């Protein structure tokens, strides 16, 4: 039988977080102490982790930078070798 304990601690500031209703997987919770956005990753026992938005895919930013960098390298190579 699931525990009625809906209390855990913020991974950012270690502040106590008590939920009034039964938590759901994927539910977003905001720590009242440090205002960090957290996500319920486990309901029994209650466990929270930092919340990440699907819209903020950091990998896309890196691939964009990598592509721009590769293009710059090719341009630089062509300028260097065209002088010989």
C-alpha atoms as a PDB file:
ATOM      1  CA  UNK A   1       0.000   0.000   0.000  1.00  0.00           C
ATOM      2  CA  UNK A   2       1.438   3.437  -0.936  1.00  0.00           C
ATOM      3  CA  UNK A   3       2.642   5.652   1.845  1.00  0.00           C
ATOM      4  CA  UNK A   4       0.647   8.780   2.660  1.00  0.00           C
ATOM      5  CA  UNK A   5       3.930  10.671   3.085  1.00  0.00           C
ATOM      6  CA  UNK A   6       4.053  13.343   0.364  1.00  0.00           C
ATOM      7  CA  UNK A   7       7.108  15.152   1.695  1.00  0.00           C
ATOM      8  CA  UNK A   8      10.570  15.306   0.159  1.00  0.00           C
ATOM      9  CA  UNK A   9      13.485  17.730  -0.155  1.00  0.00           C
ATOM     10  CA  UNK A  10      14.534  20.085  -2.938  1.00  0.00           C
ATOM     11  CA  UNK A  11      17.673  18.833  -4.729  1.00  0.00           C
ATOM     12  CA  UNK A  12      18.794  22.471  -5.163  1.00  0.00           C
ATOM     13  CA  UNK A  13      18.487  23.971  -1.668  1.00  0.00           C
ATOM     14  CA  UNK A  14      17.491  20.963   0.477  1.00  0.00           C
ATOM     15  CA  UNK A  15      14.336  22.825   1.520  1.00  0.00           C
ATOM     16  CA  UNK A  16      11.426  20.672   2.637  1.00  0.00           C
ATOM     17  CA  UNK A  17       8.664  20.253   0.033  1.00  0.00           C
ATOM     18  CA  UNK A  18       5.249  18.960   1.112  1.00  0.00           C
ATOM     19  CA  UNK A  19       2.601  18.205  -1.503  1.00  0.00           C
ATOM     20  CA  UNK A  20      -1.069  18.630  -0.597  1.00  0.00           C
ATOM     21  CA  UNK A  21      -2.335  16.144  -3.213  1.00  0.00           C
ATOM     22  CA  UNK A  22      -1.072  12.806  -4.452  1.00  0.00           C
ATOM     23  CA  UNK A  23       1.854  13.415  -6.834  1.00  0.00           C
ATOM     24  CA  UNK A  24       1.755  12.354 -10.495  1.00  0.00           C
ATOM     25  CA  UNK A  25       4.752  11.326 -12.583  1.00  0.00           C
ATOM     26  CA  UNK A  26       5.901  14.301 -14.649  1.00  0.00           C
ATOM     27  CA  UNK A  27       4.098  16.811 -12.422  1.00  0.00           C
ATOM     28  CA  UNK A  28       5.928  20.137 -12.113  1.00  0.00           C
ATOM     29  CA  UNK A  29       6.542  21.461  -8.605  1.00  0.00           C
ATOM     30  CA  UNK A  30       8.168  24.769  -7.609  1.00  0.00           C
ATOM     31  CA  UNK A  31      10.274  24.879  -4.447  1.00  0.00           C
ATOM     32  CA  UNK A  32       8.920  27.644  -2.198  1.00  0.00           C
ATOM     33  CA  UNK A  33      12.387  28.269  -0.749  1.00  0.00           C
ATOM     34  CA  UNK A  34      14.534  28.726  -3.873  1.00  0.00           C
ATOM     35  CA  UNK A  35      11.881  28.876  -6.658  1.00  0.00           C
ATOM     36  CA  UNK A  36      13.544  26.018  -8.592  1.00  0.00           C
ATOM     37  CA  UNK A  37      11.255  24.180 -11.024  1.00  0.00           C
ATOM     38  CA  UNK A  38      11.227  20.484 -10.229  1.00  0.00           C
ATOM     39  CA  UNK A  39       9.572  17.426 -11.722  1.00  0.00           C
ATOM     40  CA  UNK A  40       8.152  14.358  -9.991  1.00  0.00           C
ATOM     41  CA  UNK A  41      10.280  11.464 -11.257  1.00  0.00           C
ATOM     42  CA  UNK A  42       9.124   8.881  -8.704  1.00  0.00           C
ATOM     43  CA  UNK A  43       5.935   8.729  -6.663  1.00  0.00           C
ATOM     44  CA  UNK A  44       6.802   5.983  -4.184  1.00  0.00           C
ATOM     45  CA  UNK A  45       8.921   7.138  -2.493  1.00  0.00           C
ATOM     46  CA  UNK A  46       8.397  10.715  -3.654  1.00  0.00           C
ATOM     47  CA  UNK A  47      11.432  11.908  -5.616  1.00  0.00           C
ATOM     48  CA  UNK A  48      11.978  15.206  -7.434  1.00  0.00           C
ATOM     49  CA  UNK A  49      14.578  16.245  -9.978  1.00  0.00           C
ATOM     50  CA  UNK A  50      15.296  19.427 -11.926  1.00  0.00           C
ATOM     51  CA  UNK A  51      12.646  20.066 -14.576  1.00  0.00           C
ATOM     52  CA  UNK A  52      13.713  20.438 -18.207  1.00  0.00           C
ATOM     53  CA  UNK A  53      11.504  21.885 -20.936  1.00  0.00           C
ATOM     54  CA  UNK A  54      11.259  19.934 -24.186  1.00  0.00           C
ATOM     55  CA  UNK A  55      11.478  23.279 -26.022  1.00  0.00           C
ATOM     56  CA  UNK A  56      14.901  23.963 -24.533  1.00  0.00           C
ATOM     57  CA  UNK A  57      16.839  21.269 -26.370  1.00  0.00           C
ATOM     58  CA  UNK A  58      20.416  22.310 -25.689  1.00  0.00           C
ATOM     59  CA  UNK A  59      21.694  19.743 -28.174  1.00  0.00           C
ATOM     60  CA  UNK A  60      20.169  21.730 -31.042  1.00  0.00           C
ATOM     61  CA  UNK A  61      22.116  24.824 -30.002  1.00  0.00           C
ATOM     62  CA  UNK A  62      25.337  22.831 -29.948  1.00  0.00           C
ATOM     63  CA  UNK A  63      24.694  21.321 -33.393  1.00  0.00           C
ATOM     64  CA  UNK A  64      23.999  24.810 -34.784  1.00  0.00           C
ATOM     65  CA  UNK A  65      27.262  26.077 -33.325  1.00  0.00           C
ATOM     66  CA  UNK A  66      29.127  23.047 -34.597  1.00  0.00           C
ATOM     67  CA  UNK A  67      27.767  23.558 -38.132  1.00  0.00           C
ATOM     68  CA  UNK A  68      28.693  27.255 -38.119  1.00  0.00           C
ATOM     69  CA  UNK A  69      32.145  26.379 -36.816  1.00  0.00           C
ATOM     70  CA  UNK A  70      32.693  23.752 -39.548  1.00  0.00           C
ATOM     71  CA  UNK A  71      31.642  26.244 -42.235  1.00  0.00           C
ATOM     72  CA  UNK A  72      34.045  28.803 -40.798  1.00  0.00           C
ATOM     73  CA  UNK A  73      36.886  26.262 -40.846  1.00  0.00           C
ATOM     74  CA  UNK A  74      36.253  25.443 -44.511  1.00  0.00           C
ATOM     75  CA  UNK A  75      36.212  29.133 -45.413  1.00  0.00           C
ATOM     76  CA  UNK A  76      39.407  29.727 -43.448  1.00  0.00           C
ATOM     77  CA  UNK A  77      41.124  26.774 -45.113  1.00  0.00           C
ATOM     78  CA  UNK A  78      40.177  28.018 -48.573  1.00  0.00           C
ATOM     79  CA  UNK A  79      41.569  31.482 -47.807  1.00  0.00           C
ATOM     80  CA  UNK A  80      44.801  30.101 -46.370  1.00  0.00           C
ATOM     81  CA  UNK A  81      45.479  27.680 -49.215  1.00  0.00           C
ATOM     82  CA  UNK A  82      44.467  30.090 -51.971  1.00  0.00           C
ATOM     83  CA  UNK A  83      47.500  32.215 -51.085  1.00  0.00           C
ATOM     84  CA  UNK A  84      49.912  29.425 -52.068  1.00  0.00           C
END
